[in-house]
Amino acid sequence: MNEIELQTDGDLQKISQRKENLLKELDDLLLETYQMEPVLIDEARLVTGEEGCVCNIDIEMIENGQKSGLFDSKKVSSSTKEKISVLIDQVLEAIT
């Protein structure tokens, strides 16, 4: 193979690996919706509040007075993760 083919192949491998890593990260962020009623709920009506109940929790980082939803969760301290977990448990208790 010539240099261009080798370089392209290496780039494709890097892109493929990056894709796999991103998919793994997305899988960690997956939210599951459980339906307890036998009647199908229209998702659009659920989100607009016409039907059912939705609990949406956004976790944001505030840095220099600016809010950002994009942050590396690996950099969040264990104590902060525990506080978030406790607060989410309290919300779940309140709505169930």
Protein backbone atom coordinates (compact mmCIF):
# COMPACT_ATOMS: atom_id res chain seq x y z
CA MET A 1 0.00 0.00 0.00
CA ASN A 2 1.11 3.51 -0.57
CA GLU A 3 1.30 6.21 2.11
CA ILE A 4 -2.10 7.74 1.26
CA GLU A 5 -3.91 4.41 1.67
CA LEU A 6 -2.16 3.77 5.00
CA GLN A 7 -2.98 7.26 6.28
CA THR A 8 -6.63 6.97 5.17
CA ASP A 9 -6.95 3.56 6.81
CA GLY A 10 -5.51 4.95 10.05
CA ASP A 11 -7.91 7.91 9.95
CA LEU A 12 -10.86 5.57 9.40
CA GLN A 13 -9.80 3.47 12.37
CA LYS A 14 -9.58 6.60 14.56
CA ILE A 15 -12.99 7.77 13.37
CA SER A 16 -14.48 4.33 13.97
CA GLN A 17 -13.00 4.18 17.49
CA ARG A 18 -14.27 7.71 18.25
CA LYS A 19 -17.73 6.69 17.05
CA GLU A 20 -17.71 3.65 19.34
CA ASN A 21 -16.61 5.79 22.31
CA LEU A 22 -19.35 8.35 21.64
CA LEU A 23 -21.98 5.61 21.38
CA LYS A 24 -20.83 4.20 24.73
CA GLU A 25 -21.11 7.66 26.30
CA LEU A 26 -24.59 8.12 24.83
CA ASP A 27 -25.63 4.73 26.16
CA ASP A 28 -24.67 5.90 29.65
CA LEU A 29 -26.99 8.88 29.21
CA LEU A 30 -29.96 6.81 28.03
CA LEU A 31 -33.18 7.54 29.82
CA GLU A 32 -35.89 4.93 29.99
CA THR A 33 -39.59 5.71 29.97
CA TYR A 34 -41.85 3.25 31.69
CA GLN A 35 -45.54 3.06 30.98
CA MET A 36 -47.76 1.51 33.63
CA GLU A 37 -51.11 1.92 31.86
CA PRO A 38 -52.23 -0.49 29.14
CA VAL A 39 -53.41 2.46 27.01
CA LEU A 40 -50.76 3.96 24.73
CA ILE A 41 -49.74 7.50 25.62
CA ASP A 42 -49.07 9.98 22.81
CA GLU A 43 -45.49 11.16 23.41
CA ALA A 44 -46.10 14.60 21.89
CA ARG A 45 -49.11 15.15 24.18
CA LEU A 46 -47.11 13.85 27.13
CA VAL A 47 -44.29 16.33 26.54
CA THR A 48 -46.68 19.27 26.08
CA GLY A 49 -48.44 18.41 29.32
CA GLU A 50 -51.78 17.51 27.77
CA GLU A 51 -51.56 13.97 29.06
CA GLY A 52 -49.68 12.17 31.83
CA CYS A 53 -46.66 13.43 33.73
CA VAL A 54 -43.07 14.03 32.66
CA CYS A 55 -40.15 14.70 34.98
CA ASN A 56 -37.20 16.25 33.16
CA ILE A 57 -33.98 16.78 35.11
CA ASP A 58 -31.26 18.94 33.54
CA ILE A 59 -27.86 18.96 35.18
CA GLU A 60 -25.76 21.96 34.24
CA MET A 61 -22.35 23.25 35.20
CA ILE A 62 -21.96 26.89 36.20
CA GLU A 63 -18.53 28.30 35.48
CA ASN A 64 -17.73 32.02 35.69
CA GLY A 65 -21.44 32.76 35.94
CA GLN A 66 -22.21 30.91 32.69
CA LYS A 67 -24.45 27.83 32.63
CA SER A 68 -23.43 24.95 30.40
CA GLY A 69 -25.09 21.59 29.89
CA LEU A 70 -21.91 20.27 28.32
CA PHE A 71 -19.40 18.99 30.83
CA ASP A 72 -17.27 15.94 31.49
CA SER A 73 -19.09 13.85 34.09
CA LYS A 74 -15.80 12.13 34.91
CA LYS A 75 -14.56 15.41 36.39
CA VAL A 76 -17.50 15.67 38.81
CA SER A 77 -16.40 14.84 42.35
CA SER A 78 -17.82 11.84 44.19
CA SER A 79 -19.43 14.07 46.82
CA THR A 80 -21.20 16.13 44.13
CA LYS A 81 -22.40 12.95 42.42
CA GLU A 82 -23.75 11.73 45.76
CA LYS A 83 -25.58 15.04 46.35
CA ILE A 84 -27.13 14.84 42.87
CA SER A 85 -28.19 11.25 43.53
CA VAL A 86 -29.83 12.21 46.84
CA LEU A 87 -31.69 15.10 45.22
CA ILE A 88 -32.95 12.90 42.37
CA ASP A 89 -34.12 10.32 44.92
CA GLN A 90 -36.04 13.08 46.73
CA VAL A 91 -37.70 14.14 43.48
CA LEU A 92 -38.66 10.54 42.71
CA GLU A 93 -40.13 10.13 46.19
CA ALA A 94 -42.18 13.29 45.74
CA ILE A 95 -43.68 12.25 42.41
CA THR A 96 -44.37 8.59 43.18
